[in-house]
N, C-alpha and C. Protein backbone atom coordinates (compact mmCIF):
# COMPACT_ATOMS: atom_id res chain seq x y z
N MET A 1 2.13 -21.93 -10.60
CA MET A 1 1.82 -20.98 -11.48
C MET A 1 0.80 -21.60 -12.55
N VAL A 2 -0.09 -20.72 -13.08
CA VAL A 2 -0.97 -21.12 -14.12
C VAL A 2 -0.74 -20.40 -15.37
N LYS A 3 -0.65 -20.93 -16.49
CA LYS A 3 -0.42 -20.12 -17.65
C LYS A 3 -1.66 -19.43 -18.07
N VAL A 4 -1.60 -18.13 -18.59
CA VAL A 4 -2.86 -17.44 -19.04
C VAL A 4 -3.51 -18.27 -20.17
N SER A 5 -2.76 -18.97 -20.95
CA SER A 5 -3.30 -19.80 -22.06
C SER A 5 -4.23 -20.84 -21.49
N ASP A 6 -4.03 -21.33 -20.24
CA ASP A 6 -4.92 -22.30 -19.55
C ASP A 6 -6.32 -21.74 -19.25
N LEU A 7 -6.44 -20.40 -19.34
CA LEU A 7 -7.57 -19.76 -18.99
C LEU A 7 -8.45 -19.38 -20.21
N GLU A 8 -7.85 -19.51 -21.34
CA GLU A 8 -8.72 -19.17 -22.70
C GLU A 8 -10.14 -19.92 -22.60
N GLY A 9 -11.03 -19.21 -22.96
CA GLY A 9 -12.36 -19.65 -22.98
C GLY A 9 -12.97 -19.97 -21.66
N LYS A 10 -12.33 -19.49 -20.58
CA LYS A 10 -12.94 -19.67 -19.17
C LYS A 10 -13.19 -18.32 -18.57
N VAL A 11 -14.08 -18.38 -17.52
CA VAL A 11 -14.42 -17.06 -16.88
C VAL A 11 -13.33 -16.64 -15.83
N THR A 12 -12.87 -15.43 -16.01
CA THR A 12 -11.85 -14.92 -15.05
C THR A 12 -12.21 -13.59 -14.43
N ALA A 13 -12.22 -13.52 -13.13
CA ALA A 13 -12.66 -12.36 -12.50
C ALA A 13 -11.47 -11.76 -11.63
N LEU A 14 -11.45 -10.36 -11.65
CA LEU A 14 -10.42 -9.68 -10.73
C LEU A 14 -11.35 -8.78 -9.95
N TYR A 15 -10.98 -8.78 -8.68
CA TYR A 15 -11.84 -8.09 -7.68
C TYR A 15 -10.97 -6.88 -7.15
N PHE A 16 -11.44 -5.81 -7.31
CA PHE A 16 -10.84 -4.49 -6.86
C PHE A 16 -11.68 -3.98 -5.76
N SER A 17 -11.15 -3.68 -4.49
CA SER A 17 -11.92 -3.33 -3.39
C SER A 17 -11.15 -2.49 -2.41
N ALA A 18 -11.93 -1.77 -1.58
CA ALA A 18 -11.39 -0.96 -0.42
C ALA A 18 -11.96 -1.42 0.76
N ASN A 19 -11.23 -2.02 1.64
CA ASN A 19 -11.79 -2.69 2.87
C ASN A 19 -12.40 -1.68 3.83
N TRP A 20 -12.09 -0.37 3.77
CA TRP A 20 -12.74 0.64 4.54
C TRP A 20 -14.14 1.10 3.96
N TYR A 21 -14.49 0.74 2.80
CA TYR A 21 -15.61 1.28 2.12
C TYR A 21 -16.75 0.26 2.26
N PRO A 22 -17.93 0.62 3.05
CA PRO A 22 -18.93 -0.33 3.37
C PRO A 22 -19.47 -1.14 2.26
N PRO A 23 -19.75 -0.55 0.99
CA PRO A 23 -20.26 -1.40 -0.14
C PRO A 23 -19.19 -2.57 -0.43
N CYS A 24 -17.94 -2.17 -0.46
CA CYS A 24 -16.79 -3.19 -0.64
C CYS A 24 -16.93 -4.32 0.53
N GLN A 25 -17.08 -3.82 1.77
CA GLN A 25 -17.12 -4.76 2.85
C GLN A 25 -18.19 -5.79 2.52
N ASN A 26 -19.49 -5.28 2.28
CA ASN A 26 -20.59 -6.11 2.08
C ASN A 26 -20.38 -6.99 0.83
N PHE A 27 -19.89 -6.46 -0.21
CA PHE A 27 -19.61 -7.37 -1.34
C PHE A 27 -18.61 -8.40 -1.06
N THR A 28 -17.53 -8.05 -0.29
CA THR A 28 -16.56 -9.03 0.02
C THR A 28 -17.15 -10.30 0.70
N GLU A 29 -18.03 -9.98 1.61
CA GLU A 29 -18.83 -11.02 2.32
C GLU A 29 -19.55 -12.00 1.31
N VAL A 30 -20.21 -11.34 0.46
CA VAL A 30 -21.01 -12.09 -0.61
C VAL A 30 -20.11 -12.80 -1.51
N LEU A 31 -19.01 -12.26 -1.89
CA LEU A 31 -18.01 -12.88 -2.78
C LEU A 31 -17.40 -14.00 -2.16
N VAL A 32 -17.14 -13.92 -0.80
CA VAL A 32 -16.45 -15.07 -0.10
C VAL A 32 -17.54 -16.20 -0.12
N SER A 33 -18.83 -15.91 0.15
CA SER A 33 -19.89 -16.94 0.28
C SER A 33 -20.07 -17.65 -1.18
N ALA A 34 -19.95 -16.82 -2.19
CA ALA A 34 -20.02 -17.43 -3.47
C ALA A 34 -18.77 -18.20 -3.89
N TYR A 35 -17.57 -17.84 -3.38
CA TYR A 35 -16.41 -18.62 -3.66
C TYR A 35 -16.54 -19.86 -2.78
N GLU A 36 -16.91 -19.81 -1.63
CA GLU A 36 -17.11 -21.12 -0.75
C GLU A 36 -18.16 -22.04 -1.52
N GLU A 37 -19.13 -21.49 -2.03
CA GLU A 37 -20.14 -22.34 -2.73
C GLU A 37 -19.61 -22.95 -3.98
N LEU A 38 -18.80 -22.19 -4.66
CA LEU A 38 -18.15 -22.80 -5.96
C LEU A 38 -17.06 -23.71 -5.56
N ARG A 39 -16.31 -23.48 -4.42
CA ARG A 39 -15.14 -24.31 -4.02
C ARG A 39 -15.85 -25.66 -3.66
N ASN A 40 -16.88 -25.64 -2.88
CA ASN A 40 -17.46 -26.82 -2.43
C ASN A 40 -18.14 -27.67 -3.46
N SER A 41 -18.72 -26.94 -4.54
CA SER A 41 -19.38 -27.68 -5.56
C SER A 41 -18.56 -28.05 -6.70
N ASP A 42 -17.35 -27.61 -6.96
CA ASP A 42 -16.55 -28.00 -8.01
C ASP A 42 -15.05 -28.15 -7.49
N LYS A 43 -14.88 -29.41 -7.19
CA LYS A 43 -13.51 -29.66 -6.59
C LYS A 43 -12.27 -29.44 -7.66
N GLU A 44 -12.76 -29.40 -8.94
CA GLU A 44 -11.61 -29.14 -10.05
C GLU A 44 -11.80 -27.62 -10.35
N GLY A 45 -12.41 -26.84 -9.57
CA GLY A 45 -12.64 -25.41 -9.98
C GLY A 45 -11.54 -24.53 -9.61
N LEU A 46 -11.92 -23.25 -9.21
CA LEU A 46 -11.00 -22.27 -8.98
C LEU A 46 -9.94 -22.56 -7.88
N LYS A 47 -10.38 -23.23 -6.85
CA LYS A 47 -9.50 -23.48 -5.73
C LYS A 47 -8.27 -24.17 -6.23
N GLN A 48 -8.47 -25.24 -6.95
CA GLN A 48 -7.45 -26.08 -7.44
C GLN A 48 -6.70 -25.31 -8.60
N LYS A 49 -7.41 -24.64 -9.41
CA LYS A 49 -6.82 -23.99 -10.52
C LYS A 49 -5.82 -23.01 -10.15
N PHE A 50 -6.07 -22.40 -9.13
CA PHE A 50 -5.17 -21.22 -8.60
C PHE A 50 -4.47 -21.63 -7.37
N ASP A 51 -4.61 -22.93 -6.85
CA ASP A 51 -3.95 -23.46 -5.58
C ASP A 51 -4.29 -22.42 -4.46
N ILE A 52 -5.62 -22.12 -4.23
CA ILE A 52 -5.98 -21.32 -3.19
C ILE A 52 -6.24 -22.16 -2.01
N GLU A 53 -5.60 -21.61 -0.94
CA GLU A 53 -5.63 -22.30 0.28
C GLU A 53 -6.44 -21.52 1.30
N GLY A 54 -6.59 -20.21 1.18
CA GLY A 54 -7.42 -19.38 2.03
C GLY A 54 -7.55 -18.03 1.51
N ILE A 55 -8.30 -17.25 2.24
CA ILE A 55 -8.33 -15.84 1.99
C ILE A 55 -7.66 -14.96 2.98
N PRO A 56 -7.15 -13.74 2.71
CA PRO A 56 -7.13 -13.09 1.37
C PRO A 56 -6.35 -13.77 0.40
N CYS A 57 -6.65 -13.64 -0.87
CA CYS A 57 -5.91 -14.23 -1.92
C CYS A 57 -5.94 -13.27 -3.09
N LEU A 58 -4.89 -12.98 -3.65
CA LEU A 58 -4.78 -12.06 -4.77
C LEU A 58 -4.13 -12.82 -5.94
N VAL A 59 -4.77 -12.91 -7.01
CA VAL A 59 -4.24 -13.63 -8.22
C VAL A 59 -3.89 -12.58 -9.21
N VAL A 60 -2.67 -12.59 -9.72
CA VAL A 60 -2.23 -11.65 -10.64
C VAL A 60 -2.02 -12.30 -12.02
N LEU A 61 -2.87 -11.61 -13.01
CA LEU A 61 -2.67 -12.17 -14.24
C LEU A 61 -1.56 -11.37 -15.07
N GLN A 62 -0.69 -12.10 -15.70
CA GLN A 62 0.47 -11.49 -16.46
C GLN A 62 0.01 -11.42 -17.86
N PRO A 63 0.16 -10.12 -18.44
CA PRO A 63 -0.24 -9.96 -19.85
C PRO A 63 0.79 -10.26 -20.79
N ASP A 64 1.97 -10.22 -20.51
CA ASP A 64 3.16 -10.39 -21.51
C ASP A 64 3.34 -11.87 -21.91
N ALA A 65 3.74 -12.05 -23.14
CA ALA A 65 3.92 -13.29 -23.68
C ALA A 65 4.94 -14.15 -22.86
N GLU A 66 6.09 -13.36 -22.54
CA GLU A 66 7.12 -13.98 -21.85
C GLU A 66 6.72 -14.25 -20.41
N ASP A 67 5.87 -13.42 -19.79
CA ASP A 67 5.56 -13.61 -18.46
C ASP A 67 4.00 -14.08 -18.36
N ASP A 68 3.75 -15.13 -19.21
CA ASP A 68 2.32 -15.45 -19.29
C ASP A 68 1.83 -16.39 -18.30
N ALA A 69 2.39 -16.39 -17.05
CA ALA A 69 1.94 -17.05 -16.03
C ALA A 69 0.96 -16.23 -15.05
N ILE A 70 0.25 -16.92 -14.16
CA ILE A 70 -0.54 -16.27 -13.23
C ILE A 70 0.17 -16.46 -11.81
N LEU A 71 0.28 -15.42 -11.16
CA LEU A 71 0.82 -15.53 -9.86
C LEU A 71 -0.27 -15.51 -8.83
N CYS A 72 -0.29 -16.67 -7.95
CA CYS A 72 -1.35 -16.77 -6.99
C CYS A 72 -0.89 -16.34 -5.71
N ASN A 73 0.23 -15.81 -5.58
CA ASN A 73 0.81 -15.20 -4.26
C ASN A 73 0.85 -13.72 -4.21
N GLY A 74 -0.23 -13.12 -4.82
CA GLY A 74 -0.18 -11.61 -4.79
C GLY A 74 -0.24 -10.99 -3.42
N VAL A 75 -0.87 -11.59 -2.62
CA VAL A 75 -1.08 -11.00 -1.18
C VAL A 75 0.38 -10.87 -0.57
N GLU A 76 1.14 -12.03 -0.69
CA GLU A 76 2.51 -12.10 -0.15
C GLU A 76 3.47 -11.17 -0.88
N LEU A 77 3.31 -10.97 -2.27
CA LEU A 77 4.09 -10.11 -2.93
C LEU A 77 3.86 -8.60 -2.55
N ILE A 78 2.56 -8.28 -2.29
CA ILE A 78 2.32 -6.94 -1.81
C ILE A 78 2.84 -6.75 -0.46
N TYR A 79 2.62 -7.62 0.41
CA TYR A 79 3.20 -7.48 1.83
C TYR A 79 4.76 -7.30 1.75
N ARG A 80 5.41 -8.14 0.98
CA ARG A 80 6.87 -8.15 0.92
C ARG A 80 7.45 -6.92 0.18
N TYR A 81 6.88 -6.54 -1.01
CA TYR A 81 7.46 -5.57 -1.85
C TYR A 81 6.66 -4.28 -1.94
N GLY A 82 5.35 -4.23 -1.57
CA GLY A 82 4.59 -3.19 -1.91
C GLY A 82 4.47 -2.96 -3.37
N ILE A 83 4.44 -1.75 -3.93
CA ILE A 83 4.29 -1.45 -5.27
C ILE A 83 5.65 -1.57 -6.05
N GLU A 84 6.84 -1.83 -5.38
CA GLU A 84 8.15 -1.88 -6.03
C GLU A 84 8.05 -2.95 -7.08
N ALA A 85 7.29 -4.06 -6.95
CA ALA A 85 7.46 -5.20 -7.91
C ALA A 85 6.34 -5.08 -9.06
N PHE A 86 5.47 -4.09 -8.96
CA PHE A 86 4.43 -3.89 -9.95
C PHE A 86 5.11 -3.60 -11.22
N PRO A 87 4.70 -4.27 -12.42
CA PRO A 87 3.48 -5.04 -12.65
C PRO A 87 3.74 -6.57 -12.30
N PHE A 88 4.59 -6.93 -11.44
CA PHE A 88 4.87 -8.23 -11.02
C PHE A 88 5.42 -9.15 -12.09
N THR A 89 6.24 -8.53 -12.94
CA THR A 89 6.97 -9.41 -14.05
C THR A 89 8.20 -10.00 -13.31
N LYS A 90 8.64 -10.99 -14.00
CA LYS A 90 9.84 -11.80 -13.48
C LYS A 90 11.01 -10.75 -13.16
N ASP A 91 11.24 -9.82 -14.13
CA ASP A 91 12.21 -8.77 -13.92
C ASP A 91 12.01 -7.93 -12.80
N LYS A 92 10.87 -7.39 -12.67
CA LYS A 92 10.45 -6.54 -11.48
C LYS A 92 10.58 -7.29 -10.20
N LEU A 93 10.18 -8.52 -10.12
CA LEU A 93 10.26 -9.37 -8.96
C LEU A 93 11.67 -9.56 -8.47
N GLU A 94 12.54 -9.85 -9.49
CA GLU A 94 13.88 -10.04 -9.16
C GLU A 94 14.61 -8.70 -8.66
N ARG A 95 14.23 -7.72 -9.32
CA ARG A 95 14.89 -6.38 -8.86
C ARG A 95 14.42 -5.97 -7.39
N ALA A 96 13.09 -6.20 -7.14
CA ALA A 96 12.55 -5.94 -5.83
C ALA A 96 13.22 -6.82 -4.75
N GLU A 97 13.47 -8.12 -5.16
CA GLU A 97 14.13 -9.10 -4.26
C GLU A 97 15.58 -8.64 -3.91
N LEU A 98 16.34 -8.23 -4.97
CA LEU A 98 17.57 -7.76 -4.78
C LEU A 98 17.57 -6.49 -3.96
N ARG A 99 16.61 -5.43 -4.24
CA ARG A 99 16.55 -4.26 -3.55
C ARG A 99 16.33 -4.49 -1.97
N GLN A 100 15.43 -5.56 -1.66
CA GLN A 100 15.17 -5.84 -0.31
C GLN A 100 16.32 -6.60 0.35
N THR A 101 16.99 -7.40 -0.33
CA THR A 101 18.24 -8.06 0.18
C THR A 101 19.24 -6.93 0.59
N MET A 102 19.46 -6.01 -0.37
CA MET A 102 20.51 -4.98 -0.16
C MET A 102 20.17 -4.14 1.05
N THR A 103 18.93 -3.81 1.11
CA THR A 103 18.37 -2.93 2.21
C THR A 103 18.58 -3.67 3.48
N GLU A 104 18.22 -4.92 3.68
CA GLU A 104 18.51 -5.79 4.86
C GLU A 104 19.93 -5.79 5.26
N GLU A 105 20.79 -5.95 4.24
CA GLU A 105 22.28 -5.95 4.46
C GLU A 105 22.71 -4.63 5.05
N MET A 106 22.20 -3.53 4.48
CA MET A 106 22.57 -2.08 4.95
C MET A 106 22.13 -1.97 6.34
N GLU A 107 20.99 -2.52 6.69
CA GLU A 107 20.44 -2.27 8.06
C GLU A 107 21.30 -3.06 9.05
N LYS A 108 21.79 -4.31 8.62
CA LYS A 108 22.68 -5.11 9.54
C LYS A 108 23.87 -4.37 9.79
N HIS A 109 24.46 -3.73 8.78
CA HIS A 109 25.77 -3.09 8.86
C HIS A 109 25.38 -1.80 9.76
N ARG A 110 24.39 -1.13 9.61
CA ARG A 110 24.01 0.06 10.38
C ARG A 110 23.87 -0.25 11.84
N ASP A 111 23.19 -1.51 12.10
CA ASP A 111 23.08 -1.89 13.43
C ASP A 111 24.48 -2.17 14.08
N CYS A 112 25.24 -2.88 13.18
CA CYS A 112 26.63 -3.20 13.83
C CYS A 112 27.42 -1.99 14.08
N ASN A 113 27.36 -0.96 13.25
CA ASN A 113 28.09 0.30 13.47
C ASN A 113 27.41 1.06 14.61
N ASN A 114 26.09 1.02 14.79
CA ASN A 114 25.63 1.70 16.04
C ASN A 114 26.08 1.00 17.30
N LYS A 115 26.03 -0.28 17.26
CA LYS A 115 26.51 -1.00 18.48
C LYS A 115 27.94 -0.63 18.80
N GLN A 116 28.87 -0.60 17.77
CA GLN A 116 30.16 -0.27 17.93
C GLN A 116 30.29 1.22 18.47
N LYS A 117 29.51 2.02 17.98
CA LYS A 117 29.54 3.50 18.56
C LYS A 117 29.02 3.60 19.98
N ILE A 118 28.08 2.73 20.38
CA ILE A 118 27.48 2.70 21.79
C ILE A 118 28.59 2.16 22.64
N ARG A 119 29.24 0.97 22.21
CA ARG A 119 30.41 0.34 23.04
C ARG A 119 31.47 1.46 23.27
N TYR A 120 31.90 2.14 22.30
CA TYR A 120 32.81 3.27 22.32
C TYR A 120 32.34 4.39 23.34
N LEU A 121 31.16 4.81 23.27
CA LEU A 121 30.74 5.89 24.19
C LEU A 121 30.68 5.27 25.51
N ILE A 122 30.27 4.01 25.80
CA ILE A 122 30.19 3.55 27.14
C ILE A 122 31.59 3.39 27.60
N SER A 123 32.51 2.91 26.88
CA SER A 123 33.91 2.66 27.34
C SER A 123 34.48 4.07 27.69
N GLU A 124 34.11 5.13 27.01
CA GLU A 124 34.81 6.39 27.15
C GLU A 124 33.91 7.14 28.32
N GLY A 125 32.99 6.57 28.83
CA GLY A 125 32.24 7.09 29.96
C GLY A 125 31.37 8.30 29.51
N LEU A 126 30.98 8.33 28.20
CA LEU A 126 30.12 9.42 27.71
C LEU A 126 28.68 9.02 27.89
């Protein structure tokens, strides 16, 4: 995690895009090229600052004083929780994780109950 205070006085960019929209698709290619150029020319630059290992990458800037970190795993958070964790504060992430765990446990029990019902139906010849 990178603290927002570490970014003071530095250029920060947030990219909003729609992958189905041709102008966004075109610009994404340009942005990737620019990123590659920056990454190759400045080893202490963005790649290391945000611990970027590849793309897609979503960096989430936290505005709150108590959550003044930058999350570099935004893509993973979106895949895992969708919008449930927005605005990606510590509290929202903990609640989303708990909700996901509870949902998984409920599904395990549901699967177990269904298997028991199927065994019963088979044993009864239904």
